[in-house]
Amino acid sequence: MPTQVLLCPPTHFDVIDQKNPYMVGKHSIDRTKARQQWQALCSALQDAGCQVETIAPAPGHEDMVFAANQVFVGFHKSLGKFIVPSRMLHPSRQGEVPFYVDWYRGRGFKIVEVDLGDDYLEGHGDLLWHPDCSRIYAGYGFRSTKIGVEKFSRAMSKLEIPVIPLHLVDPYCYHLDTCFCPLSNAAVLIYPGAYAPESLAALRSLWERVHELTTDEAHKFMGNGIVANGRYLTPHITPHLDSILRQEGLAPVIVESSEFEKSGGSLFCMKAFLP
């Protein structure tokens, strides 16, 4: 069975307001190029054996293309397929969530509501499964809030799924998915400068092999890659990253994302794997 993955076409994609350091200054989007890059991502995922599903883009929601953020997706033996809807920090993104919730609900996913109150939680931008689904890593500090992560953790504890909170401190790594990428059950790719000391120590203790990106590699989204069927989809490559991937038995596949990087996102941000 091929892995299913959800993407949203970049029909309305644009850079309008400044939500992260990558968006500072005026960045006009080349819509043709953005569409080509998005299509190349679809093709690379299909070549890796993934079945690509799409959600219809909605006018007025320019960041809806970043399909990782609007919900957290999971599977549990007691629930089956489920999602936890996000509460996005930026008002311009909050309206994306209902479209995604409706899409998942229409495909039989159960909705696990977490009462976030005034707190924030940003889906797979900040919440990443261990590859064997034994635990969840949860970033906070820029988008998701510490208390938002604590509330999520309490909800997951009812399903006996542990959540590892990780405090992010680099504004260029405002989401966990920019500085943390599991390569296998044993190996992870991180940018150590993204974490508070106690979080970095916790992270190191949980993996057999911790591979470190440089600042430049991390800020060029090389940790925002996608692991799929022995491949690592990445927007850029260095000899250093290439060496790490080869060591872990992964073949690098370059998929350009320059238009989306203007908005502070890259390949991992643009998809959600479905259980």
C-alpha atoms as a PDB file:
ATOM      1  CA  MET A   1       0.000   0.000   0.000  1.00  0.00           C
ATOM      2  CA  PRO A   2       1.543   3.358  -0.942  1.00  0.00           C
ATOM      3  CA  THR A   3       1.816   6.002   1.746  1.00  0.00           C
ATOM      4  CA  GLN A   4      -0.864   8.657   1.372  1.00  0.00           C
ATOM      5  CA  VAL A   5       0.154  12.295   1.632  1.00  0.00           C
ATOM      6  CA  LEU A   6      -1.976  15.451   1.582  1.00  0.00           C
ATOM      7  CA  LEU A   7      -0.957  18.610  -0.282  1.00  0.00           C
ATOM      8  CA  CYS A   8      -2.704  21.874  -1.170  1.00  0.00           C
ATOM      9  CA  PRO A   9      -2.080  23.508  -4.575  1.00  0.00           C
ATOM     10  CA  PRO A  10      -0.458  26.979  -4.310  1.00  0.00           C
ATOM     11  CA  THR A  11      -3.212  28.701  -6.310  1.00  0.00           C
ATOM     12  CA  HIS A  12      -3.526  31.610  -3.859  1.00  0.00           C
ATOM     13  CA  PHE A  13      -0.034  31.461  -2.354  1.00  0.00           C
ATOM     14  CA  ASP A  14       1.512  34.865  -1.627  1.00  0.00           C
ATOM     15  CA  VAL A  15       3.659  36.716   0.912  1.00  0.00           C
ATOM     16  CA  ILE A  16       1.438  39.377   2.460  1.00  0.00           C
ATOM     17  CA  ASP A  17       2.431  39.941   6.090  1.00  0.00           C
ATOM     18  CA  GLN A  18       5.577  39.230   8.095  1.00  0.00           C
ATOM     19  CA  LYS A  19       5.144  36.162  10.284  1.00  0.00           C
ATOM     20  CA  ASN A  20       8.809  35.121  10.539  1.00  0.00           C
ATOM     21  CA  PRO A  21      12.299  36.524   9.713  1.00  0.00           C
ATOM     22  CA  TYR A  22      12.279  35.015   6.205  1.00  0.00           C
ATOM     23  CA  MET A  23       9.334  37.256   5.287  1.00  0.00           C
ATOM     24  CA  VAL A  24      11.017  40.552   6.168  1.00  0.00           C
ATOM     25  CA  GLY A  25      11.190  42.900   3.180  1.00  0.00           C
ATOM     26  CA  LYS A  26       9.164  42.684  -0.008  1.00  0.00           C
ATOM     27  CA  HIS A  27       9.104  39.297  -1.705  1.00  0.00           C
ATOM     28  CA  SER A  28       7.056  39.025  -4.849  1.00  0.00           C
ATOM     29  CA  ILE A  29       6.019  35.464  -5.651  1.00  0.00           C
ATOM     30  CA  ASP A  30       6.582  34.016  -9.114  1.00  0.00           C
ATOM     31  CA  ARG A  31       3.294  32.095  -9.325  1.00  0.00           C
ATOM     32  CA  THR A  32       4.350  30.054 -12.341  1.00  0.00           C
ATOM     33  CA  LYS A  33       7.557  29.005 -10.621  1.00  0.00           C
ATOM     34  CA  ALA A  34       5.686  28.253  -7.373  1.00  0.00           C
ATOM     35  CA  ARG A  35       3.290  25.988  -9.251  1.00  0.00           C
ATOM     36  CA  GLN A  36       6.193  24.223 -10.985  1.00  0.00           C
ATOM     37  CA  GLN A  37       7.994  23.676  -7.681  1.00  0.00           C
ATOM     38  CA  TRP A  38       4.826  22.361  -6.037  1.00  0.00           C
ATOM     39  CA  GLN A  39       4.256  20.017  -8.977  1.00  0.00           C
ATOM     40  CA  ALA A  40       7.864  18.815  -8.704  1.00  0.00           C
ATOM     41  CA  LEU A  41       7.228  17.988  -5.034  1.00  0.00           C
ATOM     42  CA  CYS A  42       4.118  15.996  -6.003  1.00  0.00           C
ATOM     43  CA  SER A  43       6.127  14.109  -8.621  1.00  0.00           C
ATOM     44  CA  ALA A  44       9.016  13.397  -6.227  1.00  0.00           C
ATOM     45  CA  LEU A  45       6.586  12.018  -3.636  1.00  0.00           C
ATOM     46  CA  GLN A  46       4.868   9.853  -6.262  1.00  0.00           C
ATOM     47  CA  ASP A  47       8.252   8.601  -7.479  1.00  0.00           C
ATOM     48  CA  ALA A  48       8.964   7.589  -3.859  1.00  0.00           C
ATOM     49  CA  GLY A  49       5.781   5.497  -3.815  1.00  0.00           C
ATOM     50  CA  CYS A  50       3.432   7.991  -2.178  1.00  0.00           C
ATOM     51  CA  GLN A  51      -0.182   8.480  -3.208  1.00  0.00           C
ATOM     52  CA  VAL A  52      -0.823  12.231  -3.369  1.00  0.00           C
ATOM     53  CA  GLU A  53      -4.187  13.576  -2.182  1.00  0.00           C
ATOM     54  CA  THR A  54      -5.101  17.255  -2.490  1.00  0.00           C
ATOM     55  CA  ILE A  55      -7.345  19.678  -0.654  1.00  0.00           C
ATOM     56  CA  ALA A  56      -8.977  22.529  -2.586  1.00  0.00           C
ATOM     57  CA  PRO A  57      -7.238  25.867  -1.926  1.00  0.00           C
ATOM     58  CA  ALA A  58      -9.522  28.630  -0.649  1.00  0.00           C
ATOM     59  CA  PRO A  59      -9.271  32.266  -1.827  1.00  0.00           C
ATOM     60  CA  GLY A  60      -7.946  34.629   0.836  1.00  0.00           C
ATOM     61  CA  HIS A  61      -5.874  31.920   2.536  1.00  0.00           C
ATOM     62  CA  GLU A  62      -2.445  32.432   1.001  1.00  0.00           C
ATOM     63  CA  ASP A  63      -0.636  30.079   3.432  1.00  0.00           C
ATOM     64  CA  MET A  64      -3.027  27.144   3.010  1.00  0.00           C
ATOM     65  CA  VAL A  65      -0.345  25.531   0.800  1.00  0.00           C
ATOM     66  CA  PHE A  66       1.560  24.674   4.006  1.00  0.00           C
ATOM     67  CA  ALA A  67      -0.548  21.583   4.682  1.00  0.00           C
ATOM     68  CA  ALA A  68       1.438  20.433   7.728  1.00  0.00           C
ATOM     69  CA  ASN A  69       0.165  23.102  10.103  1.00  0.00           C
ATOM     70  CA  GLN A  70      -3.628  23.142  10.360  1.00  0.00           C
ATOM     71  CA  VAL A  71      -4.110  19.844  12.223  1.00  0.00           C
ATOM     72  CA  PHE A  72      -2.084  17.131  13.930  1.00  0.00           C
ATOM     73  CA  VAL A  73      -2.739  13.742  12.307  1.00  0.00           C
ATOM     74  CA  GLY A  74      -2.510  10.407  14.105  1.00  0.00           C
ATOM     75  CA  PHE A  75      -3.726   6.852  14.477  1.00  0.00           C
ATOM     76  CA  HIS A  76      -4.535   4.999  17.677  1.00  0.00           C
ATOM     77  CA  LYS A  77      -5.956   1.523  18.151  1.00  0.00           C
ATOM     78  CA  SER A  78      -8.804   2.828  20.330  1.00  0.00           C
ATOM     79  CA  LEU A  79      -9.726   5.731  18.026  1.00  0.00           C
ATOM     80  CA  GLY A  80      -8.580   4.793  14.563  1.00  0.00           C
ATOM     81  CA  LYS A  81      -7.538   7.754  12.402  1.00  0.00           C
ATOM     82  CA  PHE A  82      -7.756  11.050  14.286  1.00  0.00           C
ATOM     83  CA  ILE A  83      -6.807  14.717  14.093  1.00  0.00           C
ATOM     84  CA  VAL A  84      -6.217  17.446  16.658  1.00  0.00           C
ATOM     85  CA  PRO A  85      -7.194  20.826  15.133  1.00  0.00           C
ATOM     86  CA  SER A  86      -4.635  23.620  15.491  1.00  0.00           C
ATOM     87  CA  ARG A  87      -5.112  27.054  16.957  1.00  0.00           C
ATOM     88  CA  MET A  88      -2.799  29.164  14.795  1.00  0.00           C
ATOM     89  CA  LEU A  89      -0.974  32.167  16.238  1.00  0.00           C
ATOM     90  CA  HIS A  90      -1.558  34.506  13.290  1.00  0.00           C
ATOM     91  CA  PRO A  91      -5.172  35.565  12.589  1.00  0.00           C
ATOM     92  CA  SER A  92      -4.519  35.327   8.828  1.00  0.00           C
ATOM     93  CA  ARG A  93      -3.913  31.580   9.245  1.00  0.00           C
ATOM     94  CA  GLN A  94      -6.691  30.720  11.694  1.00  0.00           C
ATOM     95  CA  GLY A  95      -9.260  30.589   8.884  1.00  0.00           C
ATOM     96  CA  GLU A  96      -7.387  27.720   7.184  1.00  0.00           C
ATOM     97  CA  VAL A  97      -8.159  25.275   9.972  1.00  0.00           C
ATOM     98  CA  PRO A  98     -11.898  24.656   9.295  1.00  0.00           C
ATOM     99  CA  PHE A  99     -11.189  23.723   5.650  1.00  0.00           C
ATOM    100  CA  TYR A 100      -8.722  21.066   6.767  1.00  0.00           C
ATOM    101  CA  VAL A 101     -10.930  19.799   9.605  1.00  0.00           C
ATOM    102  CA  ASP A 102     -13.793  19.361   7.126  1.00  0.00           C
ATOM    103  CA  TRP A 103     -11.499  17.523   4.687  1.00  0.00           C
ATOM    104  CA  TYR A 104     -10.368  15.055   7.346  1.00  0.00           C
ATOM    105  CA  ARG A 105     -13.848  14.652   8.845  1.00  0.00           C
ATOM    106  CA  GLY A 106     -15.193  13.796   5.404  1.00  0.00           C
ATOM    107  CA  ARG A 107     -12.649  10.956   5.207  1.00  0.00           C
ATOM    108  CA  GLY A 108     -13.566   9.337   8.485  1.00  0.00           C
ATOM    109  CA  PHE A 109     -11.016  10.911  10.825  1.00  0.00           C
ATOM    110  CA  LYS A 110     -12.171  11.386  14.413  1.00  0.00           C
ATOM    111  CA  ILE A 111     -11.740  14.912  15.784  1.00  0.00           C
ATOM    112  CA  VAL A 112      -9.905  15.152  19.122  1.00  0.00           C
ATOM    113  CA  GLU A 113     -10.653  18.651  20.394  1.00  0.00           C
ATOM    114  CA  VAL A 114      -8.139  20.163  22.793  1.00  0.00           C
ATOM    115  CA  ASP A 115      -9.488  23.252  24.575  1.00  0.00           C
ATOM    116  CA  LEU A 116      -6.545  25.546  23.924  1.00  0.00           C
ATOM    117  CA  GLY A 117      -8.222  28.676  25.300  1.00  0.00           C
ATOM    118  CA  ASP A 118      -5.817  31.555  24.658  1.00  0.00           C
ATOM    119  CA  ASP A 119      -2.935  29.208  23.813  1.00  0.00           C
ATOM    120  CA  TYR A 120      -1.614  28.074  20.444  1.00  0.00           C
ATOM    121  CA  LEU A 121      -0.733  24.773  18.817  1.00  0.00           C
ATOM    122  CA  GLU A 122       0.402  24.518  15.182  1.00  0.00           C
ATOM    123  CA  GLY A 123      -0.031  20.950  13.964  1.00  0.00           C
ATOM    124  CA  HIS A 124       2.932  19.211  12.368  1.00  0.00           C
ATOM    125  CA  GLY A 125       4.875  22.455  12.263  1.00  0.00           C
ATOM    126  CA  ASP A 126       5.586  21.822  15.949  1.00  0.00           C
ATOM    127  CA  LEU A 127       4.322  18.276  16.613  1.00  0.00           C
ATOM    128  CA  LEU A 128       6.297  15.409  15.082  1.00  0.00           C
ATOM    129  CA  TRP A 129       5.876  11.674  15.555  1.00  0.00           C
ATOM    130  CA  HIS A 130       8.791   9.370  16.254  1.00  0.00           C
ATOM    131  CA  PRO A 131       8.948   7.161  13.123  1.00  0.00           C
ATOM    132  CA  ASP A 132       7.524   4.166  15.034  1.00  0.00           C
ATOM    133  CA  CYS A 133       4.757   6.390  16.512  1.00  0.00           C
ATOM    134  CA  SER A 134       5.926   5.575  20.062  1.00  0.00           C
ATOM    135  CA  ARG A 135       6.093   9.251  21.075  1.00  0.00           C
ATOM    136  CA  ILE A 136       5.558  12.808  19.882  1.00  0.00           C
ATOM    137  CA  TYR A 137       8.098  15.655  19.931  1.00  0.00           C
ATOM    138  CA  ALA A 138       6.525  19.063  20.593  1.00  0.00           C
ATOM    139  CA  GLY A 139       8.229  22.378  19.878  1.00  0.00           C
ATOM    140  CA  TYR A 140       7.131  25.598  21.539  1.00  0.00           C
ATOM    141  CA  GLY A 141       8.316  29.175  21.972  1.00  0.00           C
ATOM    142  CA  PHE A 142       7.420  31.008  18.769  1.00  0.00           C
ATOM    143  CA  ARG A 143       4.152  29.594  17.392  1.00  0.00           C
ATOM    144  CA  SER A 144       2.895  26.873  19.704  1.00  0.00           C
ATOM    145  CA  THR A 145       2.882  27.944  23.368  1.00  0.00           C
ATOM    146  CA  LYS A 146       4.258  25.957  26.286  1.00  0.00           C
ATOM    147  CA  ILE A 147       0.801  25.662  27.852  1.00  0.00           C
ATOM    148  CA  GLY A 148      -0.680  24.712  24.465  1.00  0.00           C
ATOM    149  CA  VAL A 149       1.816  21.854  24.305  1.00  0.00           C
ATOM    150  CA  GLU A 150       0.979  20.890  27.924  1.00  0.00           C
ATOM    151  CA  LYS A 151      -2.734  20.734  27.074  1.00  0.00           C
ATOM    152  CA  PHE A 152      -1.970  18.627  24.008  1.00  0.00           C
ATOM    153  CA  SER A 153       0.245  16.381  26.126  1.00  0.00           C
ATOM    154  CA  ARG A 154      -2.589  15.768  28.601  1.00  0.00           C
ATOM    155  CA  ALA A 155      -4.912  14.781  25.737  1.00  0.00           C
ATOM    156  CA  MET A 156      -2.306  12.373  24.334  1.00  0.00           C
ATOM    157  CA  SER A 157      -1.616  10.887  27.788  1.00  0.00           C
ATOM    158  CA  LYS A 158      -5.198   9.545  27.755  1.00  0.00           C
ATOM    159  CA  LEU A 159      -4.092   7.541  24.706  1.00  0.00           C
ATOM    160  CA  GLU A 160      -0.855   6.582  26.518  1.00  0.00           C
ATOM    161  CA  ILE A 161       1.262   8.487  23.974  1.00  0.00           C
ATOM    162  CA  PRO A 162       4.166  10.382  25.615  1.00  0.00           C
ATOM    163  CA  VAL A 163       4.932  13.928  24.442  1.00  0.00           C
ATOM    164  CA  ILE A 164       8.458  15.385  24.642  1.00  0.00           C
ATOM    165  CA  PRO A 165       8.359  19.228  24.977  1.00  0.00           C
ATOM    166  CA  LEU A 166      11.210  21.097  23.245  1.00  0.00           C
ATOM    167  CA  HIS A 167      11.826  24.798  23.828  1.00  0.00           C
ATOM    168  CA  LEU A 168      12.830  26.611  20.607  1.00  0.00           C
ATOM    169  CA  VAL A 169      15.021  29.730  20.849  1.00  0.00           C
ATOM    170  CA  ASP A 170      16.108  30.612  17.268  1.00  0.00           C
ATOM    171  CA  PRO A 171      13.522  32.826  15.484  1.00  0.00           C
ATOM    172  CA  TYR A 172      14.628  31.359  12.131  1.00  0.00           C
ATOM    173  CA  CYS A 173      13.594  27.977  13.533  1.00  0.00           C
ATOM    174  CA  TYR A 174      10.166  29.133  14.646  1.00  0.00           C
ATOM    175  CA  HIS A 175       8.650  25.673  14.026  1.00  0.00           C
ATOM    176  CA  LEU A 176      10.148  22.372  15.168  1.00  0.00           C
ATOM    177  CA  ASP A 177      10.038  21.022  11.596  1.00  0.00           C
ATOM    178  CA  THR A 178      12.747  23.522  10.576  1.00  0.00           C
ATOM    179  CA  CYS A 179      15.346  22.052  12.958  1.00  0.00           C
ATOM    180  CA  PHE A 180      14.315  18.454  13.643  1.00  0.00           C
ATOM    181  CA  CYS A 181      13.899  15.615  11.160  1.00  0.00           C
ATOM    182  CA  PRO A 182      13.808  11.932  12.153  1.00  0.00           C
ATOM    183  CA  LEU A 183      15.728   9.897   9.560  1.00  0.00           C
ATOM    184  CA  SER A 184      14.876   6.495  11.102  1.00  0.00           C
ATOM    185  CA  ASN A 185      13.903   5.044  14.472  1.00  0.00           C
ATOM    186  CA  ALA A 186      17.545   5.403  15.542  1.00  0.00           C
ATOM    187  CA  ALA A 187      18.785   8.584  13.832  1.00  0.00           C
ATOM    188  CA  VAL A 188      17.675  12.200  13.814  1.00  0.00           C
ATOM    189  CA  LEU A 189      18.835  15.331  12.008  1.00  0.00           C
ATOM    190  CA  ILE A 190      18.801  18.453  14.190  1.00  0.00           C
ATOM    191  CA  TYR A 191      20.116  22.002  14.353  1.00  0.00           C
ATOM    192  CA  PRO A 192      21.406  22.272  17.952  1.00  0.00           C
ATOM    193  CA  GLY A 193      21.328  26.091  17.968  1.00  0.00           C
ATOM    194  CA  ALA A 194      17.526  26.005  17.737  1.00  0.00           C
ATOM    195  CA  TYR A 195      17.028  24.626  21.266  1.00  0.00           C
ATOM    196  CA  ALA A 196      17.259  25.757  24.843  1.00  0.00           C
ATOM    197  CA  PRO A 197      20.033  23.759  26.636  1.00  0.00           C
ATOM    198  CA  GLU A 198      17.711  21.507  28.660  1.00  0.00           C
ATOM    199  CA  SER A 199      15.676  20.624  25.564  1.00  0.00           C
ATOM    200  CA  LEU A 200      18.798  19.836  23.559  1.00  0.00           C
ATOM    201  CA  ALA A 201      20.023  17.549  26.352  1.00  0.00           C
ATOM    202  CA  ALA A 202      16.647  15.761  26.465  1.00  0.00           C
ATOM    203  CA  LEU A 203      16.697  15.311  22.707  1.00  0.00           C
ATOM    204  CA  ARG A 204      20.207  13.844  22.655  1.00  0.00           C
ATOM    205  CA  SER A 205      19.254  11.266  25.297  1.00  0.00           C
ATOM    206  CA  LEU A 206      16.427   9.841  23.172  1.00  0.00           C
ATOM    207  CA  TRP A 207      18.308   8.918  19.975  1.00  0.00           C
ATOM    208  CA  GLU A 208      21.107   6.501  19.159  1.00  0.00           C
ATOM    209  CA  ARG A 209      22.516   8.830  16.501  1.00  0.00           C
ATOM    210  CA  VAL A 210      22.119  12.619  16.460  1.00  0.00           C
ATOM    211  CA  HIS A 211      23.351  14.332  13.286  1.00  0.00           C
ATOM    212  CA  GLU A 212      23.893  18.098  13.470  1.00  0.00           C
ATOM    213  CA  LEU A 213      23.187  20.635  10.759  1.00  0.00           C
ATOM    214  CA  THR A 214      25.167  23.866  10.580  1.00  0.00           C
ATOM    215  CA  THR A 215      23.416  27.197  11.045  1.00  0.00           C
ATOM    216  CA  ASP A 216      23.577  27.865   7.309  1.00  0.00           C
ATOM    217  CA  GLU A 217      22.149  24.433   6.446  1.00  0.00           C
ATOM    218  CA  ALA A 218      19.290  24.835   8.924  1.00  0.00           C
ATOM    219  CA  HIS A 219      18.411  28.337   7.756  1.00  0.00           C
ATOM    220  CA  LYS A 220      18.283  27.004   4.182  1.00  0.00           C
ATOM    221  CA  PHE A 221      15.653  24.447   5.234  1.00  0.00           C
ATOM    222  CA  MET A 222      17.866  21.374   4.885  1.00  0.00           C
ATOM    223  CA  GLY A 223      16.312  20.027   8.080  1.00  0.00           C
ATOM    224  CA  ASN A 224      12.834  20.553   6.620  1.00  0.00           C
ATOM    225  CA  GLY A 225      13.208  17.545   4.355  1.00  0.00           C
ATOM    226  CA  ILE A 226      10.911  14.588   3.756  1.00  0.00           C
ATOM    227  CA  VAL A 227      11.984  10.998   4.371  1.00  0.00           C
ATOM    228  CA  ALA A 228      10.170   8.702   1.926  1.00  0.00           C
ATOM    229  CA  ASN A 229      11.061   5.158   0.903  1.00  0.00           C
ATOM    230  CA  GLY A 230      14.835   5.415   1.247  1.00  0.00           C
ATOM    231  CA  ARG A 231      14.958   8.959  -0.099  1.00  0.00           C
ATOM    232  CA  TYR A 232      15.441  12.354   1.505  1.00  0.00           C
ATOM    233  CA  LEU A 233      13.674  15.140  -0.356  1.00  0.00           C
ATOM    234  CA  THR A 234      15.513  18.402   0.337  1.00  0.00           C
ATOM    235  CA  PRO A 235      15.580  21.871  -1.274  1.00  0.00           C
ATOM    236  CA  HIS A 236      19.386  22.097  -1.007  1.00  0.00           C
ATOM    237  CA  ILE A 237      22.347  19.798  -0.364  1.00  0.00           C
ATOM    238  CA  THR A 238      25.873  20.223   0.999  1.00  0.00           C
ATOM    239  CA  PRO A 239      28.678  17.634   1.099  1.00  0.00           C
ATOM    240  CA  HIS A 240      28.126  17.515   4.877  1.00  0.00           C
ATOM    241  CA  LEU A 241      24.409  16.698   4.580  1.00  0.00           C
ATOM    242  CA  ASP A 242      25.065  14.289   1.715  1.00  0.00           C
ATOM    243  CA  SER A 243      27.515  12.389   3.939  1.00  0.00           C
ATOM    244  CA  ILE A 244      24.960  12.138   6.764  1.00  0.00           C
ATOM    245  CA  LEU A 245      22.248  10.872   4.423  1.00  0.00           C
ATOM    246  CA  ARG A 246      24.529   8.260   2.822  1.00  0.00           C
ATOM    247  CA  GLN A 247      25.537   7.095   6.300  1.00  0.00           C
ATOM    248  CA  GLU A 248      21.855   6.549   7.096  1.00  0.00           C
ATOM    249  CA  GLY A 249      21.104   4.813   3.795  1.00  0.00           C
ATOM    250  CA  LEU A 250      19.104   7.695   2.335  1.00  0.00           C
ATOM    251  CA  ALA A 251      19.456   9.023  -1.207  1.00  0.00           C
ATOM    252  CA  PRO A 252      19.132  12.812  -1.500  1.00  0.00           C
ATOM    253  CA  VAL A 253      16.541  14.095  -3.987  1.00  0.00           C
ATOM    254  CA  ILE A 254      16.693  17.837  -4.673  1.00  0.00           C
ATOM    255  CA  VAL A 255      13.293  19.529  -4.951  1.00  0.00           C
ATOM    256  CA  GLU A 256      13.549  23.308  -5.235  1.00  0.00           C
ATOM    257  CA  SER A 257      11.316  25.383  -2.956  1.00  0.00           C
ATOM    258  CA  SER A 258      12.709  28.906  -3.416  1.00  0.00           C
ATOM    259  CA  GLU A 259       9.281  30.538  -3.824  1.00  0.00           C
ATOM    260  CA  PHE A 260       7.964  28.962  -0.621  1.00  0.00           C
ATOM    261  CA  GLU A 261      11.146  29.788   1.281  1.00  0.00           C
ATOM    262  CA  LYS A 262      10.212  33.461   0.821  1.00  0.00           C
ATOM    263  CA  SER A 263       7.377  32.691   3.234  1.00  0.00           C
ATOM    264  CA  GLY A 264       9.585  30.773   5.654  1.00  0.00           C
ATOM    265  CA  GLY A 265       8.540  27.305   4.520  1.00  0.00           C
ATOM    266  CA  SER A 266       9.836  24.412   2.487  1.00  0.00           C
ATOM    267  CA  LEU A 267       9.080  20.793   1.612  1.00  0.00           C
ATOM    268  CA  PHE A 268       8.072  19.289   4.970  1.00  0.00           C
ATOM    269  CA  CYS A 269       5.750  22.232   5.647  1.00  0.00           C
ATOM    270  CA  MET A 270       3.884  21.577   2.402  1.00  0.00           C
ATOM    271  CA  LYS A 271       2.610  18.086   3.184  1.00  0.00           C
ATOM    272  CA  ALA A 272       0.879  15.936   5.762  1.00  0.00           C
ATOM    273  CA  PHE A 273       1.354  12.173   5.806  1.00  0.00           C
ATOM    274  CA  LEU A 274      -1.891  10.281   6.342  1.00  0.00           C
ATOM    275  CA  PRO A 275      -2.082   7.106   8.462  1.00  0.00           C
END
